[in-house]
């Protein structure tokens, strides 16, 4: 009886062999091998219809490439065996299709061109942009990218960088520090000029995102929508350049640095306008944008520096490796599979990044918890003072002063509201992991 039971498995496999394979969802794109990968075995990339880029093993990628909705599992298995160089059965192919590729959201639900499986929800990534709202659709972004694309022509880049260095030297020779202090004093005397500074910074931020999408298109990838969201504690603009994963390491780095390059162009324009007008508040805007540009290179949170490091080592999401790296560092524990799959030098770089990032994040969180009881009463008192000032400005008909007062109140509240949201999300994520481990 036992032997007969075992003999039933090939019969089931034969039934599967006669089934027709499903088709990929219309619009799914098989990109190819991930270039410049930090993995021992480089993954292969597939672009889903929603723009999400997935990583697949070589075998899964070959299986996906054979899903045309016409051939049978037996025919697909035969072709894969020849291409893969190893024997693979129809049942094994069916298992990969149903348990791996269908879950990835790239297969039609049933035979038919318009029926697709529901796309799986993305993970709640650590320190990711929250509450995103797309404001500029993809077809408009394509026009923007095409307009600014020529700025990445190498001779233009060289000339722009040389002009920026010359402009910075000129500003220093002209006594930039003294003029900056004068501009800061004028902001105190005329607080309505803060609105001008904020306006310049917002426009520069929009231009920064144009740099990312233009660099993405220059390399041959398709940028997606642009919009705003909340990152950590501040409103932040974003641009969708996920398709840049199809590019070489150099193309991805150009996309990462495109925003900083456009920051340089924006600062060059500010210096030129300041040279003509001598407006003190414009110099304050310039310095604020310089600080913001330097801040972009911090790799401990998801700013441009984080993505630059990620593309240098060839590992798409460093925060996903944090847990496996920490578990691999425990005495007596073998390296986690997600660590072993990396090249040795990449493993060392990511381990060093984890060792540096965790104390940095802990410093800010602990600092918040320690300082909150002392700072929050002061913030509350300042809010009351600004509220009275806004009321007085409204009564006097001074709209500019009223807007500045509201802006100051907003800036006072935002960091504390943001860090509270970060702590809440971290606690919720930890609770989910605990419940999942107990299940």
Protein backbone atom coordinates (compact mmCIF):
# COMPACT_ATOMS: atom_id res chain seq x y z
CA UNK A 1 0.00 0.00 0.00
CA UNK A 2 2.84 2.38 0.84
CA UNK A 3 4.58 1.63 -2.46
CA UNK A 4 1.38 2.29 -4.38
CA UNK A 5 0.95 5.58 -2.53
CA UNK A 6 4.37 6.70 -3.65
CA UNK A 7 3.65 5.70 -7.23
CA UNK A 8 0.78 8.20 -7.34
CA UNK A 9 3.16 11.22 -7.30
CA UNK A 10 4.44 10.81 -10.88
CA UNK A 11 0.85 10.56 -12.07
CA UNK A 12 0.08 13.92 -10.44
CA UNK A 13 3.21 15.34 -12.03
CA UNK A 14 2.01 14.11 -15.40
CA UNK A 15 -1.28 15.91 -14.86
CA UNK A 16 0.59 19.11 -14.13
CA UNK A 17 2.77 18.62 -17.19
CA UNK A 18 -0.28 18.88 -19.45
CA UNK A 19 -1.48 22.16 -17.94
CA UNK A 20 -0.90 25.42 -19.79
CA UNK A 21 1.37 27.84 -18.00
CA UNK A 22 -0.05 31.23 -16.97
CA UNK A 23 1.00 34.43 -18.69
CA UNK A 24 2.74 37.47 -17.25
CA UNK A 25 0.61 40.49 -16.52
CA UNK A 26 0.60 42.79 -19.55
CA UNK A 27 3.24 45.46 -19.07
CA UNK A 28 5.58 43.32 -16.93
CA UNK A 29 9.14 43.90 -18.10
CA UNK A 30 12.02 41.45 -17.79
CA UNK A 31 14.98 43.81 -17.34
CA UNK A 32 17.86 41.38 -16.99
CA UNK A 33 20.85 40.93 -14.73
CA UNK A 34 21.46 43.50 -12.00
CA UNK A 35 24.70 45.21 -12.99
CA UNK A 36 27.42 45.91 -10.44
CA UNK A 37 25.77 43.64 -7.86
CA UNK A 38 27.34 43.01 -4.46
CA UNK A 39 25.90 39.47 -4.39
CA UNK A 40 28.00 36.40 -5.08
CA UNK A 41 25.28 35.37 -7.55
CA UNK A 42 23.86 38.57 -9.08
CA UNK A 43 20.04 38.73 -9.06
CA UNK A 44 17.90 39.41 -12.09
CA UNK A 45 15.38 42.24 -12.29
CA UNK A 46 11.71 42.35 -13.29
CA UNK A 47 9.68 45.57 -13.48
CA UNK A 48 6.08 45.15 -12.35
CA UNK A 49 3.22 47.09 -13.97
CA UNK A 50 3.12 49.44 -10.95
CA UNK A 51 6.77 50.34 -11.50
CA UNK A 52 8.11 48.24 -8.64
CA UNK A 53 11.36 46.46 -9.52
CA UNK A 54 11.72 42.91 -8.16
CA UNK A 55 14.84 40.80 -7.68
CA UNK A 56 14.69 37.18 -8.84
CA UNK A 57 17.17 34.35 -8.92
CA UNK A 58 18.47 33.29 -12.32
CA UNK A 59 16.21 30.24 -12.39
CA UNK A 60 13.08 32.20 -11.45
CA UNK A 61 13.95 34.77 -14.10
CA UNK A 62 14.22 32.03 -16.73
CA UNK A 63 10.87 30.61 -15.59
CA UNK A 64 9.25 34.05 -15.82
CA UNK A 65 10.66 34.49 -19.30
CA UNK A 66 8.89 31.33 -20.45
CA UNK A 67 5.43 32.20 -19.14
CA UNK A 68 3.52 33.02 -22.32
CA UNK A 69 0.13 31.45 -21.51
CA UNK A 70 0.47 29.06 -24.46
CA UNK A 71 2.99 26.29 -23.83
CA UNK A 72 2.50 23.51 -21.28
CA UNK A 73 4.51 22.97 -18.12
CA UNK A 74 6.16 19.98 -19.76
CA UNK A 75 7.33 22.10 -22.70
CA UNK A 76 8.54 24.85 -20.41
CA UNK A 77 10.39 22.36 -18.16
CA UNK A 78 12.14 20.83 -21.19
CA UNK A 79 13.28 24.22 -22.43
CA UNK A 80 14.43 25.26 -18.95
CA UNK A 81 16.40 22.05 -18.46
CA UNK A 82 18.36 22.76 -21.62
CA UNK A 83 18.89 26.45 -20.78
CA UNK A 84 19.54 25.95 -17.07
CA UNK A 85 21.88 23.02 -17.63
CA UNK A 86 20.14 20.87 -15.00
CA UNK A 87 17.13 18.60 -15.05
CA UNK A 88 13.95 20.30 -13.85
CA UNK A 89 10.52 18.67 -13.83
CA UNK A 90 7.14 20.13 -14.72
CA UNK A 91 6.05 19.80 -11.09
CA UNK A 92 9.04 21.80 -9.90
CA UNK A 93 8.33 24.52 -12.44
CA UNK A 94 4.68 24.64 -11.34
CA UNK A 95 5.78 24.97 -7.71
CA UNK A 96 8.01 27.94 -8.54
CA UNK A 97 5.26 29.57 -10.59
CA UNK A 98 2.54 29.26 -7.96
CA UNK A 99 4.59 29.77 -4.79
CA UNK A 100 7.09 32.38 -5.91
CA UNK A 101 6.10 34.24 -9.07
CA UNK A 102 2.37 34.45 -8.39
CA UNK A 103 3.06 35.91 -4.95
CA UNK A 104 5.25 38.52 -6.61
CA UNK A 105 2.20 39.88 -8.44
CA UNK A 106 3.44 39.41 -12.01
CA UNK A 107 1.05 36.66 -13.22
CA UNK A 108 -2.49 36.88 -14.53
CA UNK A 109 -5.05 35.42 -12.15
CA UNK A 110 -6.56 33.20 -14.86
CA UNK A 111 -5.91 32.75 -18.57
CA UNK A 112 -6.85 36.05 -20.18
CA UNK A 113 -5.12 39.32 -21.05
CA UNK A 114 -6.90 41.59 -18.58
CA UNK A 115 -7.06 39.53 -15.39
CA UNK A 116 -4.17 40.05 -13.03
CA UNK A 117 -3.46 38.87 -9.53
CA UNK A 118 -3.71 41.58 -6.87
CA UNK A 119 -0.37 43.25 -6.31
CA UNK A 120 1.15 42.36 -2.93
CA UNK A 121 1.58 45.13 -0.40
CA UNK A 122 5.05 46.52 -0.01
CA UNK A 123 6.86 46.15 3.28
CA UNK A 124 6.94 48.93 5.84
CA UNK A 125 10.61 49.76 5.37
CA UNK A 126 12.63 51.26 8.19
CA UNK A 127 12.91 55.07 8.05
CA UNK A 128 11.13 55.22 4.70
CA UNK A 129 9.16 58.18 3.38
CA UNK A 130 5.62 58.16 4.80
CA UNK A 131 2.27 59.51 3.67
CA UNK A 132 3.42 60.13 0.11
CA UNK A 133 1.22 62.07 -2.28
CA UNK A 134 2.09 62.14 -5.99
CA UNK A 135 1.63 65.65 -7.38
CA UNK A 136 3.35 65.47 -10.78
CA UNK A 137 2.25 62.49 -12.94
CA UNK A 138 4.71 60.34 -14.82
CA UNK A 139 3.99 61.77 -18.27
CA UNK A 140 4.70 65.32 -17.01
CA UNK A 141 7.85 64.13 -15.26
CA UNK A 142 9.01 62.67 -18.57
CA UNK A 143 8.75 66.14 -20.15
CA UNK A 144 10.63 67.74 -17.25
CA UNK A 145 13.37 65.12 -17.46
CA UNK A 146 13.70 65.60 -21.21
CA UNK A 147 14.06 69.38 -20.79
CA UNK A 148 16.84 69.15 -18.19
CA UNK A 149 18.55 66.08 -19.62
CA UNK A 150 21.12 68.08 -21.66
CA UNK A 151 22.56 69.48 -18.42
CA UNK A 152 24.22 66.08 -17.90
CA UNK A 153 26.23 66.31 -21.07
CA UNK A 154 29.83 65.95 -19.75
CA UNK A 155 31.17 69.28 -21.09
CA UNK A 156 28.21 71.08 -19.46
CA UNK A 157 28.86 69.33 -16.14
CA UNK A 158 32.54 70.30 -16.17
CA UNK A 159 31.79 73.94 -17.01
CA UNK A 160 29.09 74.15 -14.33
CA UNK A 161 31.38 72.76 -11.62
CA UNK A 162 34.24 75.08 -12.59
CA UNK A 163 31.87 78.06 -12.57
CA UNK A 164 30.57 77.07 -9.12
CA UNK A 165 34.09 76.85 -7.67
CA UNK A 166 34.94 80.26 -9.16
CA UNK A 167 31.72 81.76 -7.78
CA UNK A 168 32.41 80.40 -4.28
CA UNK A 169 35.92 81.85 -4.35
CA UNK A 170 34.55 85.22 -5.47
CA UNK A 171 31.99 85.18 -2.66
CA UNK A 172 34.66 84.43 -0.06
CA UNK A 173 36.91 87.22 -1.37
CA UNK A 174 33.98 89.67 -1.22
CA UNK A 175 33.54 89.05 2.50
CA UNK A 176 30.74 86.51 2.45
CA UNK A 177 30.75 85.94 6.24
CA UNK A 178 30.21 89.61 7.07
CA UNK A 179 27.43 89.87 4.51
CA UNK A 180 25.85 86.72 5.88
CA UNK A 181 25.75 88.19 9.40
CA UNK A 182 24.21 91.35 7.99
CA UNK A 183 21.58 89.26 6.23
CA UNK A 184 20.78 87.38 9.45
CA UNK A 185 20.34 90.67 11.34
CA UNK A 186 18.01 91.94 8.63
CA UNK A 187 15.90 88.78 8.96
CA UNK A 188 15.51 89.55 12.65
CA UNK A 189 14.52 93.14 11.91
CA UNK A 190 12.29 92.21 8.99
CA UNK A 191 10.90 88.73 9.72
CA UNK A 192 8.68 88.79 6.64
CA UNK A 193 11.82 88.08 4.61
CA UNK A 194 11.82 84.59 6.14
CA UNK A 195 9.03 83.84 3.68
CA UNK A 196 11.36 84.74 0.81
CA UNK A 197 14.05 82.42 2.20
CA UNK A 198 11.52 79.60 2.57
CA UNK A 199 10.27 80.21 -0.97
CA UNK A 200 13.79 79.96 -2.42
CA UNK A 201 14.46 76.75 -0.49
CA UNK A 202 11.20 75.19 -1.70
CA UNK A 203 11.98 76.06 -5.33
CA UNK A 204 15.51 74.71 -4.90
CA UNK A 205 14.08 71.48 -3.46
CA UNK A 206 11.85 71.06 -6.49
CA UNK A 207 14.85 71.68 -8.75
CA UNK A 208 16.80 69.05 -6.76
CA UNK A 209 14.21 66.41 -7.64
CA UNK A 210 14.33 67.50 -11.28
CA UNK A 211 18.02 66.59 -11.17
CA UNK A 212 17.25 63.03 -10.12
CA UNK A 213 14.65 62.43 -12.84
CA UNK A 214 16.78 64.09 -15.53
CA UNK A 215 19.78 61.94 -14.58
CA UNK A 216 17.56 58.86 -14.58
CA UNK A 217 16.36 59.59 -18.11
CA UNK A 218 19.86 60.52 -19.30
CA UNK A 219 21.02 57.03 -18.36
CA UNK A 220 18.18 55.39 -20.29
CA UNK A 221 15.68 54.64 -17.49
CA UNK A 222 12.11 55.92 -17.05
CA UNK A 223 11.43 58.20 -14.07
CA UNK A 224 8.06 58.01 -12.36
CA UNK A 225 5.86 60.46 -10.50
CA UNK A 226 7.07 63.26 -8.23
CA UNK A 227 5.40 64.42 -5.04
CA UNK A 228 5.71 65.15 -1.33
CA UNK A 229 5.62 63.13 1.86
CA UNK A 230 6.83 63.10 5.46
CA UNK A 231 10.37 61.95 6.09
CA UNK A 232 11.31 61.54 9.75
CA UNK A 233 10.09 64.93 11.02
CA UNK A 234 9.92 67.18 7.96
CA UNK A 235 7.86 67.45 4.79
CA UNK A 236 10.02 66.18 1.95
CA UNK A 237 9.81 66.12 -1.82
CA UNK A 238 10.48 62.88 -3.65
CA UNK A 239 10.95 61.62 -7.18
CA UNK A 240 10.40 58.05 -8.33
CA UNK A 241 13.55 56.72 -9.99
CA UNK A 242 13.10 53.02 -9.21
CA UNK A 243 13.63 52.18 -12.87
CA UNK A 244 17.27 53.29 -12.52
CA UNK A 245 17.99 49.78 -11.16
CA UNK A 246 18.17 48.71 -14.81
CA UNK A 247 21.24 50.94 -15.27
CA UNK A 248 24.89 50.18 -14.69
CA UNK A 249 26.50 51.15 -11.40
CA UNK A 250 27.69 54.38 -13.03
CA UNK A 251 24.19 55.18 -14.28
CA UNK A 252 22.70 54.58 -10.84
CA UNK A 253 25.32 56.78 -9.18
CA UNK A 254 24.61 59.53 -11.71
CA UNK A 255 20.93 59.32 -10.72
CA UNK A 256 21.86 59.48 -7.01
CA UNK A 257 24.12 62.49 -7.54
CA UNK A 258 21.79 64.24 -9.98
CA UNK A 259 19.99 66.06 -7.17
CA UNK A 260 23.23 67.29 -5.62
CA UNK A 261 24.45 68.43 -9.04
CA UNK A 262 21.26 70.46 -9.48
CA UNK A 263 21.82 71.87 -5.98
CA UNK A 264 25.13 73.17 -7.30
CA UNK A 265 23.38 74.73 -10.28
CA UNK A 266 20.80 76.35 -7.97
CA UNK A 267 23.57 77.79 -5.75
CA UNK A 268 25.37 79.10 -8.82
CA UNK A 269 22.20 80.98 -9.81
CA UNK A 270 21.82 82.34 -6.25
CA UNK A 271 25.39 83.67 -6.25
CA UNK A 272 24.88 85.29 -9.66
CA UNK A 273 21.65 87.00 -8.55
CA UNK A 274 23.29 88.08 -5.29
CA UNK A 275 26.20 89.57 -7.22
CA UNK A 276 23.74 91.72 -9.16
CA UNK A 277 21.24 92.63 -6.43
CA UNK A 278 23.17 92.35 -3.15
CA UNK A 279 20.03 91.06 -1.38
CA UNK A 280 21.13 89.89 2.12
CA UNK A 281 18.32 87.35 2.54
CA UNK A 282 19.43 85.64 -0.67
CA UNK A 283 22.83 85.01 0.90
CA UNK A 284 21.10 83.43 3.89
CA UNK A 285 19.19 81.19 1.48
CA UNK A 286 22.45 80.24 -0.22
CA UNK A 287 24.10 79.18 3.04
CA UNK A 288 21.02 77.25 4.13
CA UNK A 289 21.02 75.37 0.83
CA UNK A 290 24.74 74.63 1.14
CA UNK A 291 24.09 73.07 4.55
CA UNK A 292 21.21 71.07 3.09
CA UNK A 293 23.47 69.83 0.28
CA UNK A 294 26.11 68.62 2.72
CA UNK A 295 23.39 66.95 4.81
CA UNK A 296 22.34 64.96 1.73
CA UNK A 297 25.56 62.92 1.97
CA UNK A 298 24.71 61.48 5.41
CA UNK A 299 24.37 57.69 4.81
CA UNK A 300 22.66 56.80 8.10
CA UNK A 301 19.16 57.74 6.87
CA UNK A 302 17.52 57.54 3.46
CA UNK A 303 19.06 60.61 1.88
CA UNK A 304 21.17 60.74 -1.27
CA UNK A 305 24.25 59.53 0.62
CA UNK A 306 22.44 56.35 1.65
CA UNK A 307 21.56 55.53 -1.97
CA UNK A 308 25.09 56.40 -3.13
CA UNK A 309 26.52 53.88 -0.65
CA UNK A 310 23.87 51.33 -1.63
CA UNK A 311 24.74 51.61 -5.32
CA UNK A 312 28.49 51.59 -4.65
CA UNK A 313 28.25 48.21 -2.92
CA UNK A 314 25.52 46.92 -5.23
CA UNK A 315 22.93 46.06 -2.55
CA UNK A 316 19.55 47.79 -3.11
CA UNK A 317 18.30 48.15 0.50
CA UNK A 318 20.88 48.34 3.27
CA UNK A 319 18.33 48.57 6.09
CA UNK A 320 16.96 45.16 5.07
CA UNK A 321 20.40 43.71 5.88
CA UNK A 322 20.64 45.27 9.35
CA UNK A 323 18.89 42.42 11.19
CA UNK A 324 20.80 39.61 9.44
CA UNK A 325 24.11 41.41 10.01
CA UNK A 326 23.40 41.87 13.73
CA UNK A 327 22.42 38.20 14.12
CA UNK A 328 25.59 37.16 12.29
CA UNK A 329 27.69 39.20 14.74
CA UNK A 330 26.47 37.22 17.77
CA UNK A 331 29.20 34.91 19.18
CA UNK A 332 28.76 31.32 18.11
CA UNK A 333 26.20 32.15 15.42
CA UNK A 334 26.97 31.28 11.79
CA UNK A 335 26.55 34.04 9.22
CA UNK A 336 22.94 34.60 8.19
CA UNK A 337 22.09 33.39 4.64
CA UNK A 338 21.39 37.01 3.60
CA UNK A 339 24.93 37.84 4.72
CA UNK A 340 26.60 34.80 3.17
CA UNK A 341 25.11 35.64 -0.23
CA UNK A 342 27.15 38.87 -0.36
CA UNK A 343 30.68 39.27 -1.66
CA UNK A 344 33.26 39.43 1.16
CA UNK A 345 34.18 43.09 0.71
CA UNK A 346 30.52 44.08 0.48
CA UNK A 347 29.81 42.16 3.69
CA UNK A 348 32.53 44.11 5.51
CA UNK A 349 31.31 47.48 4.22
CA UNK A 350 27.70 46.79 5.25
CA UNK A 351 28.80 45.49 8.65
CA UNK A 352 30.78 48.69 9.25
CA UNK A 353 27.74 50.73 8.16
CA UNK A 354 25.49 48.88 10.61
CA UNK A 355 27.99 49.38 13.45
CA UNK A 356 28.04 53.13 12.80
CA UNK A 357 24.34 53.67 12.07
CA UNK A 358 22.85 52.00 15.13
CA UNK A 359 24.62 54.28 17.67
CA UNK A 360 23.70 57.29 15.53
CA UNK A 361 19.99 56.42 15.48
CA UNK A 362 20.05 55.48 19.18
CA UNK A 363 21.65 58.83 20.01
CA UNK A 364 18.78 60.77 18.45
CA UNK A 365 16.05 58.61 19.97
CA UNK A 366 17.55 58.61 23.45
CA UNK A 367 18.26 62.32 23.20
CA UNK A 368 14.62 62.93 22.37
CA UNK A 369 13.40 60.90 25.35
CA UNK A 370 15.83 62.59 27.73
CA UNK A 371 15.25 66.16 26.57
CA UNK A 372 11.50 65.97 25.98
CA UNK A 373 10.47 66.67 29.64
CA UNK A 374 12.66 69.80 29.67
CA UNK A 375 12.08 71.12 26.14
CA UNK A 376 8.36 70.52 25.65
CA UNK A 377 7.27 73.04 28.35
CA UNK A 378 9.49 75.66 26.70
CA UNK A 379 8.02 74.80 23.29
CA UNK A 380 4.51 75.13 24.73
CA UNK A 381 5.33 78.56 26.19
CA UNK A 382 6.86 79.69 22.87
CA UNK A 383 3.74 78.55 21.04
CA UNK A 384 1.63 80.71 23.32
CA UNK A 385 3.88 83.71 22.70
CA UNK A 386 3.76 83.26 18.92
CA UNK A 387 -0.01 82.76 19.04
CA UNK A 388 -0.40 86.11 20.80
CA UNK A 389 1.89 87.66 18.21
CA UNK A 390 -0.19 86.25 15.37
CA UNK A 391 -3.33 87.69 16.96
CA UNK A 392 -1.71 91.10 17.28
CA UNK A 393 -0.49 90.99 13.67
CA UNK A 394 -3.95 90.07 12.41
CA UNK A 395 -5.48 92.90 14.44
CA UNK A 396 -2.97 95.36 12.99
CA UNK A 397 -3.58 94.12 9.44
CA UNK A 398 0.03 92.91 9.04
CA UNK A 399 -0.51 89.77 6.96
CA UNK A 400 3.21 89.06 6.45
CA UNK A 401 3.94 89.07 10.18
CA UNK A 402 0.91 86.83 10.81
CA UNK A 403 2.10 84.28 8.24
CA UNK A 404 5.63 84.33 9.69
CA UNK A 405 4.19 83.72 13.15
CA UNK A 406 2.17 80.74 11.94
CA UNK A 407 5.25 79.40 10.14
CA UNK A 408 7.29 79.65 13.34
CA UNK A 409 4.60 77.78 15.27
CA UNK A 410 4.57 75.09 12.59
CA UNK A 411 8.35 74.69 12.76
CA UNK A 412 8.20 74.43 16.54
CA UNK A 413 5.60 71.66 16.53
CA UNK A 414 6.76 69.67 13.50
CA UNK A 415 9.97 68.07 14.87
CA UNK A 416 8.23 66.82 18.01
CA UNK A 417 5.21 65.55 16.12
CA UNK A 418 7.52 63.86 13.61
CA UNK A 419 9.73 62.13 16.15
CA UNK A 420 6.62 60.94 17.99
CA UNK A 421 5.39 59.43 14.72
CA UNK A 422 8.78 57.73 14.19
CA UNK A 423 8.66 56.19 17.69
CA UNK A 424 5.08 55.05 17.11
CA UNK A 425 5.99 53.36 13.82
CA UNK A 426 9.04 51.67 15.39
CA UNK A 427 6.95 50.40 18.30
CA UNK A 428 4.23 49.15 15.95
CA UNK A 429 6.80 47.35 13.79
CA UNK A 430 8.39 45.74 16.85
CA UNK A 431 4.98 44.61 18.10
CA UNK A 432 4.20 43.02 14.74
CA UNK A 433 7.49 41.12 14.75
CA UNK A 434 6.85 39.85 18.28
CA UNK A 435 3.37 38.65 17.34
CA UNK A 436 4.70 37.02 14.17
CA UNK A 437 7.41 35.19 16.14
CA UNK A 438 4.82 33.83 18.59
CA UNK A 439 2.45 32.69 15.86
